[in-house]
Amino acid sequence: MHGGAHVYIVDDDDAVRHALALLLAEKSYAVSSFASAQEFLAAASSLPVGCLIADLRMPSMTGLELQHRLNELALNFPTIVVTGHGDVPLAVRAMKEGAVDFIEKPYAVDAIFAAIEAALARLVAPRTNDPAVSEVVARLALLTRRERQVLEGLVTGLPNKSIAYDLAISPRTVEVYRARVMQKLQARSLSEAIRLALAAGLLPRMR
């Protein structure tokens, strides 16, 4: 279904960039790779629309800064940010600015493909017209007060230990609530749960 769809990879790690490009080319995506955010930004206005996969942490210009700049220029490249451990707060910021998803390293192949298809779907049906938002709101309504507090902590980017400290409960109890949240939201991953929460209007809490 995606035959020939354009996917752009922006990553300063040559090995990661080349490996991902080969993987996507095998699935018949039209893949282009860039070693820096500046390199992609310089070419963006002349490129066909497509999905952008950008590493969050790059020298000179980060993936988040690249996404912000593309938004300013009104260039439509639905973005997937790839993050390392501990970058969840930055990934949440990226999603608030419109990123389709964030994927933590090391990432699963099926997670990359699912995120790409979601990004390409936005080119056909923008998020503002997404009829599924009301369904997500209904799922959020199923959460108990404590489950919602845990979800707010996750959206803020807090680790389990910090959420446990804030709520005066044990980290193990946070894990239990987190599992219930994932089940009620029908989310398969943390990034999906956060994406659903943001789509439904749940904002990160202030600290």
N, C-alpha and C. Protein backbone atom coordinates (compact mmCIF):
# COMPACT_ATOMS: atom_id res chain seq x y z
N MET A 1 0.82 -1.21 0.00
CA MET A 1 0.00 0.00 0.00
C MET A 1 0.85 1.26 0.00
N HIS A 2 2.09 1.13 0.53
CA HIS A 2 2.91 2.32 0.66
C HIS A 2 3.90 2.45 -0.49
N GLY A 3 3.80 1.58 -1.50
CA GLY A 3 4.80 1.53 -2.55
C GLY A 3 5.22 2.90 -3.06
N GLY A 4 6.51 3.21 -2.96
CA GLY A 4 7.04 4.47 -3.45
C GLY A 4 6.89 5.65 -2.53
N ALA A 5 6.25 5.47 -1.37
CA ALA A 5 6.09 6.59 -0.43
C ALA A 5 7.46 7.06 0.05
N HIS A 6 7.59 8.37 0.20
CA HIS A 6 8.89 8.94 0.57
C HIS A 6 9.11 8.92 2.08
N VAL A 7 10.28 8.44 2.47
CA VAL A 7 10.69 8.45 3.87
C VAL A 7 12.08 9.07 3.94
N TYR A 8 12.23 10.05 4.83
CA TYR A 8 13.50 10.75 4.98
C TYR A 8 14.11 10.42 6.35
N ILE A 9 15.37 10.03 6.35
CA ILE A 9 16.07 9.69 7.59
C ILE A 9 17.11 10.77 7.88
N VAL A 10 17.04 11.34 9.08
CA VAL A 10 18.02 12.34 9.49
C VAL A 10 18.68 11.85 10.77
N ASP A 11 19.95 11.46 10.66
CA ASP A 11 20.67 10.90 11.81
C ASP A 11 22.15 11.10 11.58
N ASP A 12 22.87 11.58 12.59
CA ASP A 12 24.30 11.81 12.42
C ASP A 12 25.12 10.53 12.57
N ASP A 13 24.50 9.42 12.95
CA ASP A 13 25.19 8.14 13.07
C ASP A 13 25.11 7.42 11.72
N ASP A 14 26.26 7.32 11.05
CA ASP A 14 26.28 6.72 9.71
C ASP A 14 25.74 5.30 9.69
N ALA A 15 26.15 4.49 10.67
CA ALA A 15 25.75 3.08 10.69
C ALA A 15 24.23 2.94 10.86
N VAL A 16 23.68 3.71 11.78
CA VAL A 16 22.23 3.66 12.02
C VAL A 16 21.48 4.13 10.79
N ARG A 17 21.95 5.19 10.20
CA ARG A 17 21.28 5.77 9.03
C ARG A 17 21.28 4.78 7.86
N HIS A 18 22.41 4.18 7.61
CA HIS A 18 22.52 3.27 6.47
C HIS A 18 21.71 1.99 6.71
N ALA A 19 21.74 1.46 7.92
CA ALA A 19 21.01 0.23 8.22
C ALA A 19 19.50 0.45 8.07
N LEU A 20 19.01 1.57 8.58
CA LEU A 20 17.59 1.86 8.48
C LEU A 20 17.18 2.11 7.03
N ALA A 21 18.04 2.77 6.27
CA ALA A 21 17.74 3.03 4.87
C ALA A 21 17.61 1.73 4.09
N LEU A 22 18.50 0.78 4.34
CA LEU A 22 18.43 -0.52 3.67
C LEU A 22 17.15 -1.26 4.04
N LEU A 23 16.80 -1.21 5.33
CA LEU A 23 15.61 -1.90 5.81
C LEU A 23 14.36 -1.35 5.14
N LEU A 24 14.27 -0.02 5.03
CA LEU A 24 13.08 0.60 4.45
C LEU A 24 13.04 0.42 2.93
N ALA A 25 14.21 0.41 2.30
CA ALA A 25 14.25 0.20 0.85
C ALA A 25 13.74 -1.19 0.49
N GLU A 26 14.01 -2.16 1.36
CA GLU A 26 13.52 -3.52 1.12
C GLU A 26 11.99 -3.58 1.14
N LYS A 27 11.36 -2.62 1.81
CA LYS A 27 9.90 -2.55 1.87
C LYS A 27 9.32 -1.61 0.81
N SER A 28 10.18 -1.24 -0.14
CA SER A 28 9.76 -0.43 -1.30
C SER A 28 9.46 1.03 -0.98
N TYR A 29 9.94 1.52 0.17
CA TYR A 29 9.84 2.96 0.42
C TYR A 29 10.90 3.67 -0.43
N ALA A 30 10.61 4.89 -0.83
CA ALA A 30 11.59 5.74 -1.50
C ALA A 30 12.36 6.47 -0.40
N VAL A 31 13.56 6.02 -0.12
CA VAL A 31 14.31 6.48 1.05
C VAL A 31 15.41 7.48 0.66
N SER A 32 15.48 8.56 1.42
CA SER A 32 16.58 9.51 1.29
C SER A 32 17.16 9.75 2.68
N SER A 33 18.49 9.83 2.76
CA SER A 33 19.16 9.97 4.06
C SER A 33 19.94 11.27 4.13
N PHE A 34 20.00 11.82 5.34
CA PHE A 34 20.72 13.07 5.58
C PHE A 34 21.52 12.93 6.88
N ALA A 35 22.75 13.44 6.86
CA ALA A 35 23.64 13.28 8.01
C ALA A 35 23.44 14.35 9.07
N SER A 36 22.64 15.36 8.77
CA SER A 36 22.40 16.42 9.76
C SER A 36 21.05 17.07 9.51
N ALA A 37 20.55 17.72 10.55
CA ALA A 37 19.28 18.43 10.42
C ALA A 37 19.41 19.59 9.44
N GLN A 38 20.55 20.28 9.47
CA GLN A 38 20.75 21.41 8.56
C GLN A 38 20.72 20.97 7.10
N GLU A 39 21.31 19.79 6.84
CA GLU A 39 21.33 19.28 5.47
C GLU A 39 19.91 19.01 4.96
N PHE A 40 19.10 18.41 5.82
CA PHE A 40 17.71 18.15 5.42
C PHE A 40 16.95 19.46 5.26
N LEU A 41 17.13 20.38 6.19
CA LEU A 41 16.39 21.64 6.15
C LEU A 41 16.71 22.42 4.87
N ALA A 42 17.95 22.35 4.44
CA ALA A 42 18.35 23.06 3.22
C ALA A 42 17.65 22.51 1.99
N ALA A 43 17.33 21.20 2.03
CA ALA A 43 16.71 20.57 0.86
C ALA A 43 15.20 20.46 0.97
N ALA A 44 14.65 20.66 2.17
CA ALA A 44 13.25 20.32 2.45
C ALA A 44 12.25 20.96 1.50
N SER A 45 12.43 22.22 1.16
CA SER A 45 11.43 22.91 0.35
C SER A 45 11.31 22.34 -1.06
N SER A 46 12.33 21.63 -1.52
CA SER A 46 12.30 21.06 -2.87
C SER A 46 11.98 19.56 -2.88
N LEU A 47 11.73 18.98 -1.70
CA LEU A 47 11.50 17.54 -1.61
C LEU A 47 10.01 17.21 -1.69
N PRO A 48 9.66 16.05 -2.25
CA PRO A 48 8.26 15.59 -2.19
C PRO A 48 7.86 15.37 -0.74
N VAL A 49 6.60 15.58 -0.41
CA VAL A 49 6.16 15.36 0.96
C VAL A 49 6.35 13.89 1.32
N GLY A 50 6.59 13.64 2.58
CA GLY A 50 6.80 12.28 3.05
C GLY A 50 7.02 12.25 4.54
N CYS A 51 7.34 11.09 5.04
CA CYS A 51 7.57 10.88 6.47
C CYS A 51 9.02 11.19 6.81
N LEU A 52 9.22 11.86 7.93
CA LEU A 52 10.57 12.18 8.40
C LEU A 52 10.87 11.40 9.68
N ILE A 53 12.01 10.70 9.68
CA ILE A 53 12.49 10.02 10.88
C ILE A 53 13.75 10.75 11.32
N ALA A 54 13.69 11.41 12.47
CA ALA A 54 14.80 12.26 12.91
C ALA A 54 15.28 11.85 14.30
N ASP A 55 16.59 11.72 14.43
CA ASP A 55 17.17 11.46 15.73
C ASP A 55 16.99 12.70 16.60
N LEU A 56 16.66 12.48 17.87
CA LEU A 56 16.37 13.63 18.73
C LEU A 56 17.63 14.40 19.10
N ARG A 57 18.71 13.66 19.35
CA ARG A 57 19.96 14.31 19.78
C ARG A 57 20.99 14.28 18.66
N MET A 58 21.20 15.44 18.05
CA MET A 58 22.22 15.60 17.02
C MET A 58 22.97 16.90 17.29
N PRO A 59 24.24 16.96 16.91
CA PRO A 59 24.99 18.20 17.13
C PRO A 59 24.48 19.33 16.26
N SER A 60 24.66 20.55 16.71
CA SER A 60 24.29 21.78 16.00
C SER A 60 22.78 22.02 15.98
N MET A 61 22.00 21.07 15.46
CA MET A 61 20.55 21.22 15.45
C MET A 61 19.92 19.88 15.79
N THR A 62 19.11 19.85 16.83
CA THR A 62 18.48 18.61 17.27
C THR A 62 17.26 18.28 16.41
N GLY A 63 16.76 17.06 16.57
CA GLY A 63 15.55 16.68 15.87
C GLY A 63 14.36 17.53 16.27
N LEU A 64 14.32 17.93 17.54
CA LEU A 64 13.24 18.79 18.02
C LEU A 64 13.32 20.17 17.37
N GLU A 65 14.52 20.71 17.28
CA GLU A 65 14.70 22.02 16.63
C GLU A 65 14.37 21.95 15.15
N LEU A 66 14.71 20.83 14.52
CA LEU A 66 14.38 20.65 13.11
C LEU A 66 12.87 20.64 12.92
N GLN A 67 12.17 19.90 13.76
CA GLN A 67 10.72 19.84 13.66
C GLN A 67 10.10 21.21 13.85
N HIS A 68 10.60 21.96 14.83
CA HIS A 68 10.08 23.31 15.10
C HIS A 68 10.30 24.22 13.89
N ARG A 69 11.45 24.11 13.26
CA ARG A 69 11.76 24.94 12.10
C ARG A 69 10.87 24.58 10.91
N LEU A 70 10.63 23.29 10.71
CA LEU A 70 9.74 22.86 9.63
C LEU A 70 8.32 23.39 9.85
N ASN A 71 7.89 23.39 11.11
CA ASN A 71 6.56 23.94 11.43
C ASN A 71 6.49 25.43 11.09
N GLU A 72 7.57 26.15 11.43
CA GLU A 72 7.60 27.58 11.14
C GLU A 72 7.51 27.85 9.64
N LEU A 73 8.13 26.97 8.85
CA LEU A 73 8.15 27.13 7.40
C LEU A 73 6.92 26.52 6.73
N ALA A 74 6.03 25.93 7.54
CA ALA A 74 4.82 25.28 7.02
C ALA A 74 5.14 24.19 6.02
N LEU A 75 6.20 23.44 6.30
CA LEU A 75 6.58 22.30 5.46
C LEU A 75 6.03 21.02 6.09
N ASN A 76 5.27 20.29 5.31
CA ASN A 76 4.51 19.16 5.84
C ASN A 76 5.32 17.86 5.75
N PHE A 77 6.04 17.53 6.83
CA PHE A 77 6.76 16.27 6.92
C PHE A 77 6.40 15.63 8.26
N PRO A 78 5.33 14.83 8.30
CA PRO A 78 4.99 14.16 9.57
C PRO A 78 6.20 13.46 10.14
N THR A 79 6.50 13.74 11.40
CA THR A 79 7.80 13.37 11.97
C THR A 79 7.71 12.29 13.04
N ILE A 80 8.65 11.37 12.96
CA ILE A 80 8.88 10.37 14.01
C ILE A 80 10.23 10.70 14.62
N VAL A 81 10.28 10.90 15.93
CA VAL A 81 11.55 11.18 16.57
C VAL A 81 12.08 9.91 17.22
N VAL A 82 13.37 9.68 17.06
CA VAL A 82 14.02 8.52 17.63
C VAL A 82 14.87 8.99 18.80
N THR A 83 14.69 8.36 19.94
CA THR A 83 15.31 8.85 21.17
C THR A 83 16.13 7.78 21.87
N GLY A 84 17.06 8.25 22.68
CA GLY A 84 17.80 7.36 23.57
C GLY A 84 17.12 7.30 24.93
N HIS A 85 17.64 6.48 25.79
CA HIS A 85 17.06 6.34 27.13
C HIS A 85 17.14 7.67 27.88
N GLY A 86 16.06 8.04 28.52
CA GLY A 86 16.06 9.26 29.33
C GLY A 86 15.62 10.49 28.58
N ASP A 87 15.28 10.34 27.30
CA ASP A 87 14.88 11.50 26.49
C ASP A 87 13.37 11.66 26.39
N VAL A 88 12.62 10.93 27.21
CA VAL A 88 11.16 10.97 27.10
C VAL A 88 10.60 12.39 27.22
N PRO A 89 11.07 13.23 28.18
CA PRO A 89 10.52 14.59 28.25
C PRO A 89 10.69 15.37 26.94
N LEU A 90 11.83 15.20 26.28
CA LEU A 90 12.05 15.88 25.00
C LEU A 90 11.13 15.30 23.93
N ALA A 91 10.94 13.99 23.97
CA ALA A 91 10.05 13.36 23.00
C ALA A 91 8.62 13.84 23.18
N VAL A 92 8.21 14.03 24.43
CA VAL A 92 6.87 14.57 24.70
C VAL A 92 6.74 15.97 24.11
N ARG A 93 7.77 16.78 24.26
CA ARG A 93 7.76 18.12 23.66
C ARG A 93 7.59 18.02 22.14
N ALA A 94 8.28 17.07 21.54
CA ALA A 94 8.18 16.89 20.09
C ALA A 94 6.75 16.52 19.69
N MET A 95 6.11 15.66 20.49
CA MET A 95 4.75 15.25 20.17
C MET A 95 3.77 16.41 20.37
N LYS A 96 4.03 17.27 21.34
CA LYS A 96 3.19 18.45 21.54
C LYS A 96 3.29 19.38 20.33
N GLU A 97 4.44 19.35 19.65
CA GLU A 97 4.63 20.18 18.46
C GLU A 97 4.15 19.48 17.20
N GLY A 98 3.61 18.26 17.35
CA GLY A 98 3.00 17.61 16.20
C GLY A 98 3.65 16.33 15.73
N ALA A 99 4.70 15.86 16.42
CA ALA A 99 5.32 14.60 16.00
C ALA A 99 4.30 13.46 16.05
N VAL A 100 4.41 12.55 15.12
CA VAL A 100 3.50 11.41 15.05
C VAL A 100 3.76 10.44 16.19
N ASP A 101 5.04 10.21 16.48
CA ASP A 101 5.41 9.22 17.48
C ASP A 101 6.84 9.46 17.90
N PHE A 102 7.20 8.86 19.02
CA PHE A 102 8.62 8.77 19.36
C PHE A 102 8.93 7.32 19.64
N ILE A 103 10.11 6.90 19.24
CA ILE A 103 10.53 5.52 19.38
C ILE A 103 11.86 5.50 20.10
N GLU A 104 11.93 4.74 21.17
CA GLU A 104 13.15 4.67 21.96
C GLU A 104 14.10 3.61 21.40
N LYS A 105 15.39 3.93 21.42
CA LYS A 105 16.42 2.97 21.01
C LYS A 105 16.67 1.96 22.14
N PRO A 106 17.00 0.72 21.82
CA PRO A 106 16.93 0.13 20.47
C PRO A 106 15.48 -0.14 20.10
N TYR A 107 15.11 0.20 18.88
CA TYR A 107 13.72 0.10 18.50
C TYR A 107 13.43 -1.19 17.74
N ALA A 108 12.18 -1.62 17.86
CA ALA A 108 11.74 -2.82 17.15
C ALA A 108 11.36 -2.45 15.73
N VAL A 109 11.64 -3.34 14.80
CA VAL A 109 11.36 -3.09 13.39
C VAL A 109 9.87 -2.83 13.16
N ASP A 110 9.01 -3.63 13.79
CA ASP A 110 7.58 -3.45 13.56
C ASP A 110 7.09 -2.11 14.09
N ALA A 111 7.75 -1.58 15.15
CA ALA A 111 7.37 -0.27 15.68
C ALA A 111 7.70 0.83 14.67
N ILE A 112 8.83 0.71 13.99
CA ILE A 112 9.21 1.69 12.97
C ILE A 112 8.21 1.68 11.83
N PHE A 113 7.86 0.49 11.34
CA PHE A 113 6.93 0.40 10.22
C PHE A 113 5.55 0.94 10.59
N ALA A 114 5.08 0.62 11.80
CA ALA A 114 3.77 1.10 12.24
C ALA A 114 3.77 2.63 12.33
N ALA A 115 4.85 3.19 12.86
CA ALA A 115 4.94 4.64 12.99
C ALA A 115 4.98 5.32 11.62
N ILE A 116 5.70 4.72 10.68
CA ILE A 116 5.78 5.28 9.33
C ILE A 116 4.40 5.30 8.68
N GLU A 117 3.66 4.21 8.80
CA GLU A 117 2.33 4.16 8.21
C GLU A 117 1.40 5.20 8.84
N ALA A 118 1.54 5.40 10.16
CA ALA A 118 0.73 6.42 10.83
C ALA A 118 1.10 7.81 10.32
N ALA A 119 2.41 8.02 10.09
CA ALA A 119 2.86 9.33 9.59
C ALA A 119 2.35 9.57 8.17
N LEU A 120 2.44 8.56 7.32
CA LEU A 120 1.98 8.71 5.94
C LEU A 120 0.46 8.94 5.89
N ALA A 121 -0.26 8.32 6.84
CA ALA A 121 -1.71 8.50 6.88
C ALA A 121 -2.07 9.96 7.16
N ARG A 122 -1.20 10.67 7.89
CA ARG A 122 -1.48 12.08 8.18
C ARG A 122 -1.45 12.94 6.92
N LEU A 123 -0.70 12.48 5.92
CA LEU A 123 -0.66 13.24 4.68
C LEU A 123 -1.99 13.16 3.95
N VAL A 124 -2.76 12.12 4.23
CA VAL A 124 -4.08 11.95 3.61
C VAL A 124 -5.17 12.54 4.49
N ALA A 125 -5.06 12.26 5.82
CA ALA A 125 -6.08 12.73 6.77
C ALA A 125 -5.38 13.42 7.93
N PRO A 126 -5.26 14.74 7.93
CA PRO A 126 -4.58 15.46 9.01
C PRO A 126 -5.17 15.16 10.38
N ARG A 127 -4.34 15.27 11.40
CA ARG A 127 -4.74 14.95 12.76
C ARG A 127 -5.93 15.78 13.23
N THR A 128 -6.06 17.00 12.73
CA THR A 128 -7.15 17.85 13.19
C THR A 128 -8.52 17.30 12.80
N ASN A 129 -8.54 16.41 11.80
CA ASN A 129 -9.81 15.82 11.37
C ASN A 129 -9.94 14.37 11.84
N ASP A 130 -9.15 13.98 12.82
CA ASP A 130 -9.13 12.59 13.28
C ASP A 130 -10.39 12.28 14.09
N PRO A 131 -11.25 11.38 13.57
CA PRO A 131 -12.48 11.06 14.30
C PRO A 131 -12.23 10.17 15.51
N ALA A 132 -11.00 9.66 15.65
CA ALA A 132 -10.71 8.74 16.75
C ALA A 132 -10.48 9.46 18.07
N VAL A 133 -10.35 10.80 18.04
CA VAL A 133 -10.06 11.53 19.27
C VAL A 133 -11.15 11.34 20.31
N SER A 134 -12.41 11.36 19.88
CA SER A 134 -13.50 11.19 20.84
C SER A 134 -13.44 9.81 21.50
N GLU A 135 -12.99 8.83 20.75
CA GLU A 135 -12.84 7.48 21.33
C GLU A 135 -11.75 7.47 22.40
N VAL A 136 -10.66 8.19 22.14
CA VAL A 136 -9.57 8.26 23.12
C VAL A 136 -10.05 8.98 24.39
N VAL A 137 -10.83 10.04 24.22
CA VAL A 137 -11.39 10.76 25.37
C VAL A 137 -12.24 9.82 26.21
N ALA A 138 -13.00 8.97 25.54
CA ALA A 138 -13.84 7.99 26.26
C ALA A 138 -12.98 7.00 27.04
N ARG A 139 -11.86 6.60 26.45
CA ARG A 139 -10.96 5.68 27.15
C ARG A 139 -10.34 6.35 28.37
N LEU A 140 -9.97 7.62 28.23
CA LEU A 140 -9.41 8.36 29.37
C LEU A 140 -10.41 8.44 30.52
N ALA A 141 -11.67 8.54 30.17
CA ALA A 141 -12.71 8.65 31.20
C ALA A 141 -12.81 7.38 32.04
N LEU A 142 -12.27 6.28 31.54
CA LEU A 142 -12.31 5.02 32.28
C LEU A 142 -11.26 4.95 33.39
N LEU A 143 -10.29 5.87 33.35
CA LEU A 143 -9.21 5.84 34.33
C LEU A 143 -9.68 6.32 35.69
N THR A 144 -9.16 5.68 36.73
CA THR A 144 -9.42 6.17 38.08
C THR A 144 -8.58 7.41 38.32
N ARG A 145 -8.84 8.10 39.41
CA ARG A 145 -8.09 9.31 39.73
C ARG A 145 -6.60 9.00 39.83
N ARG A 146 -6.24 7.92 40.49
CA ARG A 146 -4.83 7.57 40.66
C ARG A 146 -4.20 7.17 39.33
N GLU A 147 -4.94 6.43 38.51
CA GLU A 147 -4.41 6.04 37.20
C GLU A 147 -4.15 7.27 36.34
N ARG A 148 -5.06 8.23 36.42
CA ARG A 148 -4.87 9.46 35.65
C ARG A 148 -3.65 10.23 36.15
N GLN A 149 -3.43 10.25 37.47
CA GLN A 149 -2.24 10.92 38.02
C GLN A 149 -0.96 10.27 37.52
N VAL A 150 -0.96 8.94 37.45
CA VAL A 150 0.21 8.23 36.93
C VAL A 150 0.42 8.58 35.46
N LEU A 151 -0.67 8.61 34.69
CA LEU A 151 -0.56 8.96 33.27
C LEU A 151 -0.04 10.38 33.10
N GLU A 152 -0.49 11.30 33.93
CA GLU A 152 0.00 12.68 33.86
C GLU A 152 1.51 12.72 34.11
N GLY A 153 1.97 11.90 35.05
CA GLY A 153 3.39 11.82 35.30
C GLY A 153 4.16 11.29 34.11
N LEU A 154 3.61 10.28 33.45
CA LEU A 154 4.24 9.70 32.28
C LEU A 154 4.30 10.71 31.13
N VAL A 155 3.22 11.45 30.94
CA VAL A 155 3.17 12.47 29.89
C VAL A 155 4.18 13.58 30.17
N THR A 156 4.40 13.86 31.45
CA THR A 156 5.39 14.87 31.84
C THR A 156 6.81 14.37 31.57
N GLY A 157 6.95 13.04 31.44
CA GLY A 157 8.26 12.47 31.19
C GLY A 157 8.96 11.96 32.42
N LEU A 158 8.22 11.80 33.52
CA LEU A 158 8.83 11.36 34.77
C LEU A 158 9.04 9.85 34.78
N PRO A 159 10.16 9.39 35.38
CA PRO A 159 10.35 7.95 35.57
C PRO A 159 9.45 7.45 36.69
N ASN A 160 9.30 6.13 36.78
CA ASN A 160 8.42 5.54 37.79
C ASN A 160 8.76 5.99 39.21
N LYS A 161 10.06 6.09 39.51
CA LYS A 161 10.48 6.46 40.87
C LYS A 161 10.03 7.87 41.23
N SER A 162 10.10 8.78 40.27
CA SER A 162 9.68 10.16 40.54
C SER A 162 8.17 10.24 40.71
N ILE A 163 7.44 9.50 39.90
CA ILE A 163 5.99 9.47 40.03
C ILE A 163 5.62 8.89 41.39
N ALA A 164 6.31 7.83 41.80
CA ALA A 164 6.05 7.21 43.09
C ALA A 164 6.29 8.19 44.23
N TYR A 165 7.38 8.96 44.13
CA TYR A 165 7.70 9.94 45.17
C TYR A 165 6.62 11.02 45.24
N ASP A 166 6.20 11.53 44.08
CA ASP A 166 5.19 12.59 44.05
C ASP A 166 3.86 12.13 44.63
N LEU A 167 3.53 10.86 44.40
CA LEU A 167 2.22 10.35 44.83
C LEU A 167 2.29 9.61 46.16
N ALA A 168 3.50 9.54 46.74
CA ALA A 168 3.70 8.86 48.03
C ALA A 168 3.26 7.39 47.97
N ILE A 169 3.63 6.72 46.88
CA ILE A 169 3.39 5.30 46.73
C ILE A 169 4.69 4.63 46.28
N SER A 170 4.71 3.33 46.23
CA SER A 170 5.93 2.62 45.86
C SER A 170 6.08 2.56 44.35
N PRO A 171 7.34 2.44 43.85
CA PRO A 171 7.54 2.28 42.41
C PRO A 171 6.80 1.07 41.85
N ARG A 172 6.73 0.00 42.64
CA ARG A 172 6.02 -1.19 42.19
C ARG A 172 4.53 -0.89 41.99
N THR A 173 3.96 -0.07 42.86
CA THR A 173 2.55 0.30 42.71
C THR A 173 2.35 1.16 41.47
N VAL A 174 3.32 2.00 41.19
CA VAL A 174 3.25 2.80 39.96
C VAL A 174 3.23 1.88 38.75
N GLU A 175 4.05 0.82 38.78
CA GLU A 175 4.07 -0.13 37.66
C GLU A 175 2.70 -0.78 37.46
N VAL A 176 2.03 -1.09 38.57
CA VAL A 176 0.70 -1.69 38.49
C VAL A 176 -0.29 -0.72 37.84
N TYR A 177 -0.26 0.54 38.32
CA TYR A 177 -1.16 1.55 37.74
C TYR A 177 -0.83 1.80 36.27
N ARG A 178 0.46 1.82 35.96
CA ARG A 178 0.88 2.05 34.58
C ARG A 178 0.34 0.95 33.67
N ALA A 179 0.41 -0.31 34.12
CA ALA A 179 -0.12 -1.42 33.33
C ALA A 179 -1.62 -1.28 33.10
N ARG A 180 -2.33 -0.81 34.14
CA ARG A 180 -3.78 -0.61 34.01
C ARG A 180 -4.09 0.51 33.02
N VAL A 181 -3.28 1.56 33.06
CA VAL A 181 -3.47 2.67 32.13
C VAL A 181 -3.29 2.19 30.70
N MET A 182 -2.23 1.43 30.46
CA MET A 182 -1.95 0.91 29.12
C MET A 182 -3.11 0.05 28.63
N GLN A 183 -3.65 -0.77 29.55
CA GLN A 183 -4.75 -1.66 29.19
C GLN A 183 -6.01 -0.87 28.84
N LYS A 184 -6.35 0.11 29.66
CA LYS A 184 -7.57 0.88 29.44
C LYS A 184 -7.47 1.77 28.19
N LEU A 185 -6.28 2.26 27.91
CA LEU A 185 -6.10 3.09 26.72
C LEU A 185 -5.90 2.24 25.47
N GLN A 186 -5.74 0.93 25.67
CA GLN A 186 -5.47 0.01 24.56
C GLN A 186 -4.19 0.40 23.83
N ALA A 187 -3.18 0.78 24.62
CA ALA A 187 -1.90 1.21 24.08
C ALA A 187 -0.89 0.06 24.16
N ARG A 188 -0.14 -0.11 23.10
CA ARG A 188 0.85 -1.19 23.05
C ARG A 188 2.22 -0.76 23.52
N SER A 189 2.42 0.54 23.68
CA SER A 189 3.72 1.05 24.10
C SER A 189 3.54 2.36 24.86
N LEU A 190 4.59 2.77 25.57
CA LEU A 190 4.55 4.03 26.29
C LEU A 190 4.33 5.19 25.33
N SER A 191 5.03 5.16 24.20
CA SER A 191 4.88 6.26 23.24
C SER A 191 3.46 6.35 22.72
N GLU A 192 2.82 5.21 22.50
CA GLU A 192 1.43 5.22 22.04
C GLU A 192 0.50 5.78 23.11
N ALA A 193 0.74 5.39 24.37
CA ALA A 193 -0.09 5.91 25.47
C ALA A 193 0.04 7.42 25.58
N ILE A 194 1.25 7.92 25.47
CA ILE A 194 1.48 9.37 25.55
C ILE A 194 0.84 10.07 24.36
N ARG A 195 0.99 9.48 23.17
CA ARG A 195 0.39 10.08 21.98
C ARG A 195 -1.13 10.17 22.12
N LEU A 196 -1.74 9.11 22.63
CA LEU A 196 -3.19 9.11 22.82
C LEU A 196 -3.61 10.17 23.83
N ALA A 197 -2.85 10.26 24.93
CA ALA A 197 -3.18 11.24 25.97
C ALA A 197 -3.09 12.66 25.44
N LEU A 198 -2.03 12.96 24.68
CA LEU A 198 -1.88 14.30 24.12
C LEU A 198 -2.97 14.59 23.09
N ALA A 199 -3.32 13.58 22.30
CA ALA A 199 -4.38 13.77 21.29
C ALA A 199 -5.71 14.09 21.94
N ALA A 200 -5.91 13.54 23.15
CA ALA A 200 -7.17 13.76 23.88
C ALA A 200 -7.14 15.03 24.70
N GLY A 201 -6.02 15.77 24.66
CA GLY A 201 -5.95 17.04 25.35
C GLY A 201 -5.36 16.99 26.74
N LEU A 202 -4.79 15.85 27.15
CA LEU A 202 -4.16 15.76 28.47
C LEU A 202 -2.78 16.39 28.38
N LEU A 203 -2.56 17.45 29.15
CA LEU A 203 -1.31 18.18 29.10
C LEU A 203 -0.38 17.76 30.22
N PRO A 204 0.95 17.86 29.99
CA PRO A 204 1.90 17.56 31.07
C PRO A 204 1.65 18.45 32.25
N ARG A 205 1.78 17.90 33.46
CA ARG A 205 1.54 18.70 34.65
C ARG A 205 2.78 19.52 34.97
N MET A 206 2.57 20.63 35.63
CA MET A 206 3.68 21.50 36.03
C MET A 206 4.36 20.93 37.27
N ARG A 207 5.70 21.12 37.33
CA ARG A 207 6.47 20.67 38.48
C ARG A 207 7.11 21.85 39.18
